[in-house]
Amino acid sequence: MFRKRIQERYDDLSPRFRTLAEFILENTLDVGFLTATELARRVGVDPATVVRFSQELGYSGYRELSREIKHYINQELALRYQKGNPEADGLSGHVAMLADEVSDRVLDLKADADQIALVAQQIHDAKRVFIASKNDGFGLASMWSTYLSISGVEVYTVRSDTAQAALLLRDLKKGDLLLALSLGIDTDVETGYILSAANEREVKTISITNSPTLLPAREADINLLAPARTHSGYPSFDSMVTLLSLIWQTLISIDAEGTQHHIQQTFDALNTLVAQRDKIPSYDVAALQRLWGQK
């Protein structure tokens, strides 16, 4: 399989070959319909490089590599539009059923397109964004806040416990946006109380929940519903992750130029940190022993 060959040989590839490898892995569907010349033009190399790259992977040339890519695409498309067989033997049949459930939940999100756009616009327009969530959703909230921060949003993540909520309410101001994540594992009334108090201070509020009956959903100005019904009966988080990703991508579309500027600043900061390794030596074992008063 071409994907496995690329992955196994990637570390030994030249920079141009790596560029080709990354493009093929990330745009496989497009590559299946490109000639060697068209692929070379898309990647910015000459057609001979495409042929040599194919031979480097063990193929006779690009034509043989292209045939394998087309075969892979046909298999993927067949799987994508074929419902799983829940009556199949073993774990594979169960996985097929679960995959169909995930697909159905994700498809249900399409009805919320207008609300997703509205939420993304409010995040963009807010002076500051605060994301509140209980312990079960705090990790997801923290991950999402990192992505929002990379895009240039001034964002803070707060746990929905009494002490942290009090500090949050103390600092909330008109023009801020309070966004709550509720996974539906419990009633999450604490987050609902925070939203209610924020509303009284004329702060815009949004909730993203797995159930419209949860208190956060009922107290927020806007509630986005992430379908969570599963075969097991236990609420899923996959549709909420998809929903957060959609909001983030929509946010980027609102201000593509500004987002790119913030992303570039982030890369510059990363390069600065990498450069510090050449300036400042890391601690060796002896230094750590001295730090802890050991001999």
Protein backbone atom coordinates (compact mmCIF):
# COMPACT_ATOMS: atom_id res chain seq x y z
CA MET A 1 0.00 0.00 0.00
CA PHE A 2 1.38 3.39 -1.05
CA ARG A 3 0.49 5.10 2.24
CA LYS A 4 2.47 2.59 4.27
CA ARG A 5 5.43 2.83 1.90
CA ILE A 6 5.49 6.61 2.20
CA GLN A 7 5.29 6.48 5.99
CA GLU A 8 8.07 3.92 6.26
CA ARG A 9 10.45 5.83 3.96
CA TYR A 10 9.50 9.38 4.93
CA ASP A 11 12.52 10.08 7.19
CA ASP A 12 14.92 9.17 4.37
CA LEU A 13 13.24 11.23 1.65
CA SER A 14 14.72 14.42 0.21
CA PRO A 15 12.91 17.73 0.89
CA ARG A 16 11.23 17.69 -2.53
CA PHE A 17 10.17 14.08 -2.12
CA ARG A 18 8.77 14.90 1.32
CA THR A 19 6.72 17.71 -0.20
CA LEU A 20 5.28 15.25 -2.69
CA ALA A 21 4.66 12.64 0.01
CA GLU A 22 2.76 15.09 2.21
CA PHE A 23 0.64 16.32 -0.69
CA ILE A 24 -0.29 12.77 -1.72
CA LEU A 25 -1.21 11.72 1.82
CA GLU A 26 -3.25 14.85 2.51
CA ASN A 27 -4.93 15.13 -0.92
CA THR A 28 -5.25 11.51 -1.99
CA LEU A 29 -8.65 11.96 -3.64
CA ASP A 30 -7.32 14.78 -5.86
CA VAL A 31 -4.10 12.95 -6.72
CA GLY A 32 -6.06 9.99 -8.06
CA PHE A 33 -7.23 12.17 -10.96
CA LEU A 34 -3.93 13.92 -11.71
CA THR A 35 -1.31 13.04 -14.29
CA ALA A 36 2.37 13.21 -13.37
CA THR A 37 2.61 16.62 -15.05
CA GLU A 38 -0.48 17.96 -13.25
CA LEU A 39 0.74 16.65 -9.89
CA ALA A 40 4.14 18.23 -10.47
CA ARG A 41 2.50 21.57 -11.24
CA ARG A 42 0.36 21.42 -8.09
CA VAL A 43 3.35 20.67 -5.86
CA GLY A 44 5.86 22.94 -7.62
CA VAL A 45 8.32 20.34 -8.90
CA ASP A 46 9.17 19.02 -12.35
CA PRO A 47 7.46 15.87 -13.74
CA ALA A 48 10.73 13.92 -13.61
CA THR A 49 10.76 14.38 -9.83
CA VAL A 50 7.31 12.77 -9.62
CA VAL A 51 8.59 9.75 -11.56
CA ARG A 52 11.74 9.46 -9.43
CA PHE A 53 9.65 9.74 -6.28
CA SER A 54 7.46 6.85 -7.44
CA GLN A 55 10.56 4.76 -8.15
CA GLU A 56 11.97 5.67 -4.73
CA LEU A 57 8.88 4.04 -3.22
CA GLY A 58 9.49 0.84 -5.24
CA TYR A 59 7.15 1.42 -8.17
CA SER A 60 8.17 1.19 -11.84
CA GLY A 61 6.93 4.75 -12.31
CA TYR A 62 4.11 7.14 -11.55
CA ARG A 63 1.61 5.17 -13.64
CA GLU A 64 1.90 2.17 -11.29
CA LEU A 65 1.66 4.41 -8.21
CA SER A 66 -1.39 6.16 -9.70
CA ARG A 67 -3.15 2.83 -10.30
CA GLU A 68 -2.70 1.89 -6.65
CA ILE A 69 -4.00 5.29 -5.52
CA LYS A 70 -7.10 4.90 -7.72
CA HIS A 71 -7.72 1.44 -6.27
CA TYR A 72 -7.45 2.86 -2.75
CA ILE A 73 -9.93 5.64 -3.59
CA ASN A 74 -12.45 3.16 -4.99
CA GLN A 75 -12.25 1.09 -1.81
CA GLU A 76 -12.62 4.16 0.42
CA LEU A 77 -15.63 5.45 -1.49
CA ALA A 78 -17.30 2.05 -1.35
CA LEU A 79 -16.83 1.92 2.42
CA ARG A 80 -17.98 5.49 2.87
CA TYR A 81 -21.34 4.98 1.19
CA GLN A 82 -21.99 1.48 2.43
CA LYS A 83 -23.87 0.92 5.65
CA GLY A 84 -22.18 -1.40 8.10
CA ASN A 85 -23.54 -4.83 8.89
CA PRO A 86 -24.47 -4.92 12.60
CA GLU A 87 -25.15 -8.67 12.28
CA ALA A 88 -21.58 -9.47 11.22
CA ASP A 89 -19.63 -11.74 13.51
CA GLY A 90 -17.14 -10.43 16.04
CA LEU A 91 -15.97 -6.95 16.89
CA SER A 92 -15.80 -5.77 13.28
CA GLY A 93 -19.57 -5.91 12.94
CA HIS A 94 -19.97 -3.87 16.09
CA VAL A 95 -17.45 -1.30 14.83
CA ALA A 96 -19.40 -1.02 11.56
CA MET A 97 -22.56 -0.25 13.52
CA LEU A 98 -20.77 2.34 15.66
CA ALA A 99 -19.32 4.01 12.54
CA ASP A 100 -22.82 4.35 11.10
CA GLU A 101 -24.03 5.94 14.35
CA VAL A 102 -21.20 8.48 14.25
CA SER A 103 -22.02 9.34 10.63
CA ASP A 104 -25.69 9.86 11.48
CA ARG A 105 -24.87 12.15 14.42
CA VAL A 106 -22.49 14.25 12.35
CA LEU A 107 -25.02 14.57 9.54
CA ASP A 108 -27.58 15.90 12.04
CA LEU A 109 -25.33 18.94 12.62
CA LYS A 110 -26.10 20.33 9.16
CA ALA A 111 -29.40 21.74 10.39
CA ASP A 112 -27.51 24.09 12.72
CA ALA A 113 -25.53 25.90 10.01
CA ASP A 114 -27.15 29.30 10.66
CA GLN A 115 -26.57 29.05 14.40
CA ILE A 116 -22.98 27.90 13.91
CA ALA A 117 -22.35 30.97 11.77
CA LEU A 118 -23.98 33.20 14.40
CA VAL A 119 -21.89 31.72 17.22
CA ALA A 120 -18.67 32.12 15.23
CA GLN A 121 -19.53 35.76 14.51
CA GLN A 122 -20.21 36.46 18.20
CA ILE A 123 -16.88 34.89 19.18
CA HIS A 124 -15.17 37.08 16.60
CA ASP A 125 -16.92 40.25 17.82
CA ALA A 126 -16.43 39.65 21.55
CA LYS A 127 -13.76 41.55 23.48
CA ARG A 128 -12.97 38.44 25.50
CA VAL A 129 -14.29 34.89 25.46
CA PHE A 130 -14.67 32.78 28.61
CA ILE A 131 -15.32 29.05 28.25
CA ALA A 132 -16.88 27.42 31.31
CA SER A 133 -17.17 23.69 31.80
CA LYS A 134 -17.21 21.09 34.52
CA ASN A 135 -14.40 18.60 35.05
CA ASP A 136 -15.79 16.11 32.54
CA GLY A 137 -15.65 18.67 29.74
CA PHE A 138 -12.81 20.88 30.90
CA GLY A 139 -10.18 19.03 28.86
CA LEU A 140 -12.21 19.51 25.69
CA ALA A 141 -12.77 23.18 26.55
CA SER A 142 -9.03 23.68 27.11
CA MET A 143 -8.14 22.07 23.80
CA TRP A 144 -10.64 24.24 21.92
CA SER A 145 -9.47 27.40 23.66
CA THR A 146 -5.95 26.69 22.38
CA TYR A 147 -7.24 26.65 18.81
CA LEU A 148 -9.23 29.83 19.38
CA SER A 149 -6.16 31.50 20.86
CA ILE A 150 -4.05 30.54 17.84
CA SER A 151 -6.69 32.27 15.70
CA GLY A 152 -6.27 35.50 17.69
CA VAL A 153 -9.19 35.20 20.12
CA GLU A 154 -8.56 36.40 23.69
CA VAL A 155 -9.94 33.35 25.45
CA TYR A 156 -9.92 31.95 28.99
CA THR A 157 -11.03 28.53 30.23
CA VAL A 158 -12.74 28.31 33.62
CA ARG A 159 -13.94 25.34 35.65
CA SER A 160 -17.59 25.52 36.70
CA ASP A 161 -16.97 25.19 40.42
CA THR A 162 -18.10 27.79 42.94
CA ALA A 163 -14.73 29.42 43.62
CA GLN A 164 -13.70 29.72 39.96
CA ALA A 165 -17.20 30.86 38.99
CA ALA A 166 -17.04 33.66 41.55
CA LEU A 167 -13.75 34.91 40.08
CA LEU A 168 -15.23 34.69 36.60
CA LEU A 169 -18.31 36.72 37.51
CA ARG A 170 -16.14 39.30 39.24
CA ASP A 171 -14.19 39.92 36.02
CA LEU A 172 -16.97 39.63 33.42
CA LYS A 173 -17.78 42.86 31.62
CA LYS A 174 -20.26 43.96 28.98
CA GLY A 175 -18.79 43.07 25.61
CA ASP A 176 -17.43 39.74 26.87
CA LEU A 177 -18.87 36.42 25.78
CA LEU A 178 -19.48 33.49 28.12
CA LEU A 179 -19.62 30.12 26.38
CA ALA A 180 -20.47 26.92 28.27
CA LEU A 181 -19.73 23.34 27.25
CA SER A 182 -21.93 20.65 28.79
CA LEU A 183 -21.39 17.02 27.82
CA GLY A 184 -24.63 15.83 29.36
CA ILE A 185 -23.00 13.33 31.71
CA ASP A 186 -24.87 14.99 34.58
CA THR A 187 -27.38 17.81 34.99
CA ASP A 188 -24.59 20.43 35.15
CA VAL A 189 -26.64 22.92 37.14
CA GLU A 190 -23.49 24.77 38.28
CA THR A 191 -22.74 25.91 34.74
CA GLY A 192 -26.38 26.91 34.34
CA TYR A 193 -26.15 29.16 37.40
CA ILE A 194 -23.08 30.89 35.93
CA LEU A 195 -24.92 31.58 32.66
CA SER A 196 -27.92 32.94 34.53
CA ALA A 197 -25.77 35.31 36.58
CA ALA A 198 -23.92 36.44 33.45
CA ASN A 199 -27.22 37.24 31.72
CA GLU A 200 -28.15 39.52 34.60
CA ARG A 201 -24.95 41.47 33.87
CA GLU A 202 -25.92 41.82 30.18
CA VAL A 203 -23.11 39.51 29.07
CA LYS A 204 -23.88 37.46 25.96
CA THR A 205 -24.09 33.74 26.66
CA ILE A 206 -23.86 30.63 24.50
CA SER A 207 -24.12 26.99 25.47
CA ILE A 208 -23.11 23.89 23.54
CA THR A 209 -24.84 20.88 25.03
CA ASN A 210 -25.83 17.31 24.29
CA SER A 211 -29.37 17.88 25.56
CA PRO A 212 -31.75 20.85 25.16
CA THR A 213 -33.24 20.17 28.61
CA LEU A 214 -30.03 20.78 30.57
CA LEU A 215 -29.99 23.98 32.63
CA PRO A 216 -27.09 25.51 30.60
CA ALA A 217 -29.14 25.03 27.41
CA ARG A 218 -32.16 26.73 28.97
CA GLU A 219 -30.25 29.66 30.46
CA ALA A 220 -28.06 30.62 27.48
CA ASP A 221 -29.04 33.19 24.86
CA ILE A 222 -28.08 30.67 22.18
CA ASN A 223 -27.84 26.91 22.51
CA LEU A 224 -26.13 24.67 19.98
CA LEU A 225 -27.23 21.08 20.24
CA ALA A 226 -24.63 18.37 19.62
CA PRO A 227 -26.45 15.04 19.03
CA ALA A 228 -25.29 12.47 21.58
CA ARG A 229 -27.68 9.51 21.43
CA THR A 230 -25.78 6.22 21.17
CA HIS A 231 -26.63 2.54 21.06
CA SER A 232 -25.27 2.13 24.59
CA GLY A 233 -27.42 4.98 25.92
CA TYR A 234 -24.35 6.78 27.28
CA PRO A 235 -23.89 10.25 25.73
CA SER A 236 -21.13 10.58 23.13
CA PHE A 237 -18.72 13.48 22.68
CA ASP A 238 -17.83 12.96 18.98
CA SER A 239 -20.50 15.30 17.59
CA MET A 240 -19.48 18.02 20.04
CA VAL A 241 -15.86 17.81 18.85
CA THR A 242 -17.13 18.10 15.27
CA LEU A 243 -19.26 21.09 16.21
CA LEU A 244 -16.35 22.87 17.90
CA SER A 245 -14.21 22.27 14.83
CA LEU A 246 -16.91 23.73 12.56
CA ILE A 247 -17.15 26.85 14.70
CA TRP A 248 -13.37 27.28 14.66
CA GLN A 249 -13.16 26.88 10.87
CA THR A 250 -16.04 29.31 10.39
CA LEU A 251 -14.25 31.78 12.64
CA ILE A 252 -11.17 31.54 10.42
CA SER A 253 -13.34 32.26 7.36
CA ILE A 254 -14.67 35.45 8.93
CA ASP A 255 -11.21 37.01 9.09
CA ALA A 256 -8.80 34.88 7.07
CA GLU A 257 -6.14 37.60 6.82
CA GLY A 258 -6.20 38.38 10.53
CA THR A 259 -6.13 34.70 11.44
CA GLN A 260 -3.14 34.10 9.20
CA HIS A 261 -1.34 36.98 10.92
CA HIS A 262 -1.92 35.44 14.35
CA ILE A 263 -0.87 31.99 13.14
CA GLN A 264 2.35 33.45 11.74
CA GLN A 265 3.02 35.14 15.07
CA THR A 266 2.55 31.79 16.79
CA PHE A 267 5.04 30.13 14.43
CA ASP A 268 7.52 32.94 15.08
CA ALA A 269 7.17 32.37 18.82
CA LEU A 270 7.71 28.64 18.34
CA ASN A 271 10.86 29.31 16.34
CA THR A 272 12.09 31.58 19.12
CA LEU A 273 11.61 28.79 21.66
CA VAL A 274 13.42 26.29 19.44
CA ALA A 275 16.33 28.73 19.08
CA GLN A 276 16.70 28.87 22.86
CA ARG A 277 17.98 25.31 22.85
CA ASP A 278 21.15 26.50 21.18
CA LYS A 279 21.56 29.37 23.64
CA ILE A 280 20.68 27.77 26.96
CA PRO A 281 21.99 24.29 27.84
CA SER A 282 19.53 21.89 29.43
CA TYR A 283 20.03 20.68 33.00
CA ASP A 284 22.12 17.57 33.34
CA VAL A 285 21.66 14.95 36.07
CA ALA A 286 24.22 16.59 38.34
CA ALA A 287 22.38 19.91 38.15
CA LEU A 288 19.11 18.26 39.14
CA GLN A 289 20.81 16.51 42.04
CA ARG A 290 22.19 19.82 43.29
CA LEU A 291 18.74 21.39 42.89
CA TRP A 292 17.27 18.79 45.24
CA GLY A 293 20.23 18.86 47.63
CA GLN A 294 21.37 15.39 46.69
CA LYS A 295 24.92 14.18 46.19
